[in-house]
């Protein structure tokens, strides 16, 4: 069974950092681009960042450029999202996804709360 599991969320003060992980099981991440999305309370889900299968190409939403870094460790079958200089408006549930054989898979998400 193909699964994506996010972890690493939590409560952090403004200006702090967190590293989210997206671990895959049931398939090998090597061949697929992976995206990170987030959904804040009362808002629609939005794209945050994505990374190509090789890791050679990355993209970021304007709101997180310069603060977030996406990376992947194919040996660990995991994609990471390093989040620095966090702001209250980064508070959201963060999800990762992958399109495998035409089907889009999502994890269940991890909650990030930025508050003093």
N, C-alpha and C. Protein backbone atom coordinates (compact mmCIF):
# COMPACT_ATOMS: atom_id res chain seq x y z
N UNK A 1 0.84 -1.19 0.00
CA UNK A 1 0.00 0.00 0.00
C UNK A 1 0.88 1.24 0.00
N UNK A 2 0.62 2.15 -0.93
CA UNK A 2 1.41 3.37 -1.02
C UNK A 2 0.97 4.36 0.05
N UNK A 3 1.94 4.87 0.78
CA UNK A 3 1.62 5.81 1.83
C UNK A 3 2.66 6.91 1.91
N UNK A 4 2.21 8.08 2.29
CA UNK A 4 3.09 9.20 2.63
C UNK A 4 2.76 9.61 4.06
N UNK A 5 3.78 9.79 4.87
CA UNK A 5 3.58 10.16 6.26
C UNK A 5 4.42 11.38 6.59
N UNK A 6 3.74 12.46 6.97
CA UNK A 6 4.43 13.68 7.37
C UNK A 6 4.70 13.66 8.87
N UNK A 7 5.78 14.29 9.25
CA UNK A 7 6.11 14.43 10.68
C UNK A 7 6.97 15.67 10.87
N UNK A 8 7.14 16.05 12.13
CA UNK A 8 8.02 17.16 12.44
C UNK A 8 7.32 18.45 12.81
N UNK A 9 6.00 18.45 12.72
CA UNK A 9 5.27 19.66 13.09
C UNK A 9 5.28 19.88 14.60
N UNK A 10 4.77 21.04 15.00
CA UNK A 10 4.72 21.35 16.42
C UNK A 10 4.48 22.83 16.63
N UNK A 11 4.64 23.23 17.88
CA UNK A 11 4.48 24.63 18.27
C UNK A 11 5.86 25.28 18.32
N UNK A 12 5.98 26.42 17.65
CA UNK A 12 7.25 27.12 17.62
C UNK A 12 6.98 28.62 17.71
N UNK A 13 7.90 29.35 18.31
CA UNK A 13 7.75 30.80 18.42
C UNK A 13 8.10 31.47 17.10
N UNK A 14 7.55 32.64 16.87
CA UNK A 14 7.93 33.41 15.68
C UNK A 14 9.44 33.57 15.60
N UNK A 15 9.97 33.38 14.40
CA UNK A 15 11.41 33.43 14.21
C UNK A 15 12.10 32.09 14.35
N UNK A 16 11.39 31.11 14.83
CA UNK A 16 11.96 29.79 15.05
C UNK A 16 12.01 28.95 13.79
N UNK A 17 12.45 27.70 13.96
CA UNK A 17 12.62 26.79 12.84
C UNK A 17 12.01 25.43 13.15
N UNK A 18 11.62 24.75 12.09
CA UNK A 18 11.17 23.37 12.16
C UNK A 18 11.62 22.67 10.88
N UNK A 19 11.82 21.36 10.98
CA UNK A 19 12.07 20.57 9.78
C UNK A 19 11.00 19.51 9.67
N UNK A 20 10.25 19.57 8.59
CA UNK A 20 9.22 18.58 8.33
C UNK A 20 9.81 17.45 7.48
N UNK A 21 9.29 16.26 7.70
CA UNK A 21 9.69 15.10 6.91
C UNK A 21 8.47 14.50 6.24
N UNK A 22 8.68 13.98 5.06
CA UNK A 22 7.65 13.26 4.31
C UNK A 22 8.26 11.92 3.93
N UNK A 23 7.84 10.88 4.62
CA UNK A 23 8.40 9.55 4.41
C UNK A 23 7.44 8.71 3.58
N UNK A 24 7.99 8.01 2.61
CA UNK A 24 7.17 7.17 1.74
C UNK A 24 7.31 5.71 2.10
N UNK A 25 6.23 4.98 1.95
CA UNK A 25 6.27 3.53 2.11
C UNK A 25 5.43 2.91 1.00
N UNK A 26 5.83 1.75 0.57
CA UNK A 26 5.10 1.06 -0.49
C UNK A 26 5.54 1.45 -1.89
N UNK A 27 6.41 2.45 -1.99
CA UNK A 27 6.96 2.82 -3.29
C UNK A 27 8.26 3.59 -3.06
N UNK A 28 9.03 3.71 -4.12
CA UNK A 28 10.31 4.40 -4.05
C UNK A 28 10.14 5.81 -4.56
N UNK A 29 10.55 6.77 -3.71
CA UNK A 29 10.37 8.18 -4.05
C UNK A 29 11.26 8.63 -5.21
N UNK A 30 12.33 7.87 -5.46
CA UNK A 30 13.35 8.31 -6.41
C UNK A 30 12.80 8.82 -7.73
N UNK A 31 11.71 8.23 -8.18
CA UNK A 31 11.26 8.50 -9.55
C UNK A 31 10.25 9.63 -9.65
N UNK A 32 9.91 10.24 -8.51
CA UNK A 32 8.77 11.14 -8.51
C UNK A 32 9.10 12.51 -7.92
N UNK A 33 8.46 13.51 -8.52
CA UNK A 33 8.49 14.84 -7.90
C UNK A 33 7.58 14.82 -6.69
N UNK A 34 7.95 15.58 -5.69
CA UNK A 34 7.18 15.65 -4.44
C UNK A 34 6.84 17.10 -4.15
N UNK A 35 5.61 17.30 -3.70
CA UNK A 35 5.18 18.64 -3.36
C UNK A 35 4.82 18.77 -1.89
N UNK A 36 5.03 19.94 -1.36
CA UNK A 36 4.54 20.30 -0.02
C UNK A 36 3.44 21.34 -0.18
N UNK A 37 2.35 21.13 0.52
CA UNK A 37 1.22 22.04 0.53
C UNK A 37 0.88 22.36 1.97
N UNK A 38 0.07 23.39 2.16
CA UNK A 38 -0.40 23.70 3.50
C UNK A 38 -1.82 24.24 3.44
N UNK A 39 -2.51 24.05 4.55
CA UNK A 39 -3.87 24.56 4.66
C UNK A 39 -4.05 25.19 6.03
N UNK A 40 -4.24 26.50 6.00
CA UNK A 40 -4.48 27.24 7.23
C UNK A 40 -5.96 27.19 7.58
N UNK A 41 -6.31 27.38 8.85
CA UNK A 41 -7.72 27.35 9.24
C UNK A 41 -8.55 28.32 8.41
N UNK A 42 -9.62 27.81 7.83
CA UNK A 42 -10.53 28.65 7.08
C UNK A 42 -10.04 29.05 5.70
N UNK A 43 -8.92 28.48 5.27
CA UNK A 43 -8.37 28.83 3.96
C UNK A 43 -8.23 27.60 3.08
N UNK A 44 -8.05 27.84 1.80
CA UNK A 44 -7.85 26.73 0.87
C UNK A 44 -6.40 26.22 0.96
N UNK A 45 -6.25 24.97 0.55
CA UNK A 45 -4.91 24.40 0.51
C UNK A 45 -4.08 25.12 -0.56
N UNK A 46 -2.82 25.40 -0.22
CA UNK A 46 -1.97 26.11 -1.17
C UNK A 46 -0.63 25.41 -1.31
N UNK A 47 -0.03 25.54 -2.48
CA UNK A 47 1.28 24.96 -2.70
C UNK A 47 2.36 25.75 -2.00
N UNK A 48 3.31 25.05 -1.42
CA UNK A 48 4.42 25.68 -0.71
C UNK A 48 5.72 25.50 -1.47
N UNK A 49 5.99 24.26 -1.86
CA UNK A 49 7.25 23.98 -2.51
C UNK A 49 7.16 22.64 -3.21
N UNK A 50 8.05 22.43 -4.19
CA UNK A 50 8.12 21.12 -4.82
C UNK A 50 9.55 20.85 -5.26
N UNK A 51 9.85 19.58 -5.44
CA UNK A 51 11.20 19.18 -5.80
C UNK A 51 11.12 18.08 -6.85
N UNK A 52 12.00 18.15 -7.82
CA UNK A 52 12.02 17.14 -8.88
C UNK A 52 12.57 15.82 -8.35
N UNK A 53 12.41 14.78 -9.15
CA UNK A 53 12.83 13.45 -8.72
C UNK A 53 14.33 13.39 -8.40
N UNK A 54 15.11 14.13 -9.15
CA UNK A 54 16.56 14.13 -8.93
C UNK A 54 16.99 15.09 -7.83
N UNK A 55 16.09 16.00 -7.50
CA UNK A 55 16.43 17.05 -6.54
C UNK A 55 17.09 18.24 -7.19
N UNK A 56 17.27 18.17 -8.49
CA UNK A 56 17.97 19.24 -9.18
C UNK A 56 17.13 20.47 -9.45
N UNK A 57 15.82 20.35 -9.30
CA UNK A 57 14.93 21.48 -9.55
C UNK A 57 13.97 21.64 -8.39
N UNK A 58 13.88 22.87 -7.90
CA UNK A 58 12.98 23.16 -6.79
C UNK A 58 12.20 24.43 -7.09
N UNK A 59 11.03 24.53 -6.49
CA UNK A 59 10.21 25.73 -6.62
C UNK A 59 9.60 26.07 -5.27
N UNK A 60 9.34 27.37 -5.09
CA UNK A 60 8.79 27.84 -3.82
C UNK A 60 7.70 28.88 -4.07
N UNK A 61 6.72 28.89 -3.19
CA UNK A 61 5.75 29.98 -3.19
C UNK A 61 6.47 31.26 -2.78
N UNK A 62 6.00 32.38 -3.31
CA UNK A 62 6.65 33.65 -2.98
C UNK A 62 6.67 33.90 -1.47
N UNK A 63 5.64 33.43 -0.80
CA UNK A 63 5.51 33.71 0.63
C UNK A 63 6.57 33.00 1.48
N UNK A 64 7.23 32.00 0.92
CA UNK A 64 8.21 31.25 1.72
C UNK A 64 9.62 31.32 1.14
N UNK A 65 9.77 31.95 -0.01
CA UNK A 65 11.10 32.03 -0.64
C UNK A 65 12.10 32.68 0.31
N UNK A 66 13.28 32.08 0.38
CA UNK A 66 14.32 32.60 1.25
C UNK A 66 14.22 32.13 2.68
N UNK A 67 13.11 31.51 3.05
CA UNK A 67 12.93 31.02 4.41
C UNK A 67 12.82 29.50 4.48
N UNK A 68 12.24 28.90 3.47
CA UNK A 68 12.02 27.45 3.44
C UNK A 68 12.97 26.82 2.41
N UNK A 69 13.40 25.61 2.71
CA UNK A 69 14.24 24.86 1.79
C UNK A 69 13.74 23.42 1.70
N UNK A 70 13.48 22.98 0.48
CA UNK A 70 13.05 21.61 0.26
C UNK A 70 14.26 20.78 -0.17
N UNK A 71 14.31 19.54 0.31
CA UNK A 71 15.40 18.66 -0.07
C UNK A 71 14.90 17.23 -0.02
N UNK A 72 15.71 16.32 -0.54
CA UNK A 72 15.29 14.92 -0.52
C UNK A 72 16.50 14.04 -0.27
N UNK A 73 16.25 12.94 0.39
CA UNK A 73 17.25 11.90 0.62
C UNK A 73 16.63 10.61 0.09
N UNK A 74 16.94 10.30 -1.14
CA UNK A 74 16.32 9.13 -1.76
C UNK A 74 16.74 7.83 -1.08
N UNK A 75 17.90 7.82 -0.47
CA UNK A 75 18.34 6.63 0.25
C UNK A 75 17.44 6.35 1.45
N UNK A 76 16.87 7.42 2.01
CA UNK A 76 15.96 7.29 3.16
C UNK A 76 14.50 7.34 2.72
N UNK A 77 14.30 7.48 1.40
CA UNK A 77 12.93 7.54 0.88
C UNK A 77 12.13 8.66 1.55
N UNK A 78 12.77 9.79 1.73
CA UNK A 78 12.18 10.89 2.50
C UNK A 78 12.48 12.23 1.84
N UNK A 79 11.50 13.12 1.91
CA UNK A 79 11.66 14.50 1.47
C UNK A 79 11.49 15.39 2.69
N UNK A 80 12.27 16.45 2.74
CA UNK A 80 12.26 17.35 3.90
C UNK A 80 11.84 18.75 3.49
N UNK A 81 11.31 19.46 4.47
CA UNK A 81 11.04 20.89 4.30
C UNK A 81 11.60 21.59 5.52
N UNK A 82 12.73 22.27 5.32
CA UNK A 82 13.34 23.05 6.39
C UNK A 82 12.69 24.43 6.41
N UNK A 83 12.13 24.79 7.53
CA UNK A 83 11.40 26.05 7.64
C UNK A 83 12.09 26.92 8.67
N UNK A 84 12.61 28.05 8.24
CA UNK A 84 13.28 29.00 9.13
C UNK A 84 12.52 30.31 9.17
N UNK A 85 12.85 31.13 10.14
CA UNK A 85 12.21 32.45 10.28
C UNK A 85 10.70 32.34 10.19
N UNK A 86 10.16 31.42 10.94
CA UNK A 86 8.72 31.17 10.86
C UNK A 86 7.91 32.35 11.36
N UNK A 87 6.76 32.54 10.72
CA UNK A 87 5.86 33.64 11.03
C UNK A 87 4.50 33.06 11.45
N UNK A 88 3.73 33.82 12.20
CA UNK A 88 2.40 33.33 12.58
C UNK A 88 1.56 32.91 11.37
N UNK A 89 1.74 33.60 10.25
CA UNK A 89 0.96 33.25 9.06
C UNK A 89 1.40 31.94 8.41
N UNK A 90 2.46 31.33 8.90
CA UNK A 90 2.86 29.99 8.44
C UNK A 90 2.08 28.90 9.15
N UNK A 91 1.29 29.27 10.14
CA UNK A 91 0.50 28.29 10.87
C UNK A 91 -0.47 27.59 9.93
N UNK A 92 -0.39 26.27 9.90
CA UNK A 92 -1.21 25.48 8.97
C UNK A 92 -0.94 24.00 9.20
N UNK A 93 -1.77 23.19 8.59
CA UNK A 93 -1.45 21.77 8.45
C UNK A 93 -0.68 21.61 7.15
N UNK A 94 0.46 20.96 7.25
CA UNK A 94 1.34 20.78 6.08
C UNK A 94 1.22 19.36 5.57
N UNK A 95 1.06 19.25 4.25
CA UNK A 95 0.88 17.97 3.58
C UNK A 95 1.95 17.79 2.50
N UNK A 96 2.32 16.55 2.26
CA UNK A 96 3.13 16.27 1.08
C UNK A 96 2.31 15.41 0.13
N UNK A 97 2.66 15.47 -1.15
CA UNK A 97 1.98 14.62 -2.13
C UNK A 97 2.92 14.14 -3.20
N UNK A 98 2.47 13.09 -3.87
CA UNK A 98 3.22 12.52 -4.98
C UNK A 98 2.23 11.94 -5.98
N UNK A 99 2.52 12.15 -7.24
CA UNK A 99 1.69 11.54 -8.29
C UNK A 99 2.40 10.28 -8.78
N UNK A 100 1.78 9.15 -8.53
CA UNK A 100 2.38 7.86 -8.86
C UNK A 100 1.45 7.11 -9.80
N UNK A 101 1.96 6.81 -10.99
CA UNK A 101 1.18 6.07 -11.98
C UNK A 101 -0.19 6.71 -12.20
N UNK A 102 -0.19 8.04 -12.29
CA UNK A 102 -1.42 8.75 -12.58
C UNK A 102 -2.31 9.04 -11.40
N UNK A 103 -1.99 8.50 -10.25
CA UNK A 103 -2.80 8.74 -9.06
C UNK A 103 -2.07 9.67 -8.10
N UNK A 104 -2.81 10.60 -7.51
CA UNK A 104 -2.23 11.56 -6.59
C UNK A 104 -2.41 11.06 -5.16
N UNK A 105 -1.29 10.92 -4.46
CA UNK A 105 -1.31 10.45 -3.08
C UNK A 105 -0.96 11.60 -2.14
N UNK A 106 -1.71 11.65 -1.03
CA UNK A 106 -1.48 12.66 0.01
C UNK A 106 -1.22 11.97 1.34
N UNK A 107 -0.40 12.61 2.15
CA UNK A 107 -0.29 12.20 3.53
C UNK A 107 -1.42 12.80 4.34
N UNK A 108 -1.45 12.51 5.63
CA UNK A 108 -2.52 13.01 6.50
C UNK A 108 -2.19 14.37 7.09
N UNK A 109 -0.96 14.79 6.92
CA UNK A 109 -0.58 16.13 7.35
C UNK A 109 0.05 16.19 8.73
N UNK A 110 0.77 17.28 8.96
CA UNK A 110 1.36 17.56 10.27
C UNK A 110 1.11 19.03 10.59
N UNK A 111 0.70 19.30 11.81
CA UNK A 111 0.29 20.65 12.20
C UNK A 111 1.50 21.47 12.65
N UNK A 112 1.60 22.65 12.06
CA UNK A 112 2.62 23.62 12.46
C UNK A 112 1.90 24.83 13.04
N UNK A 113 2.24 25.17 14.25
CA UNK A 113 1.65 26.34 14.90
C UNK A 113 2.77 27.30 15.28
N UNK A 114 2.69 28.52 14.77
CA UNK A 114 3.71 29.55 15.06
C UNK A 114 3.03 30.60 15.94
N UNK A 115 3.44 30.63 17.18
CA UNK A 115 2.78 31.52 18.13
C UNK A 115 3.70 31.77 19.31
N UNK A 116 3.57 32.98 19.87
CA UNK A 116 4.34 33.29 21.08
C UNK A 116 3.50 33.00 22.32
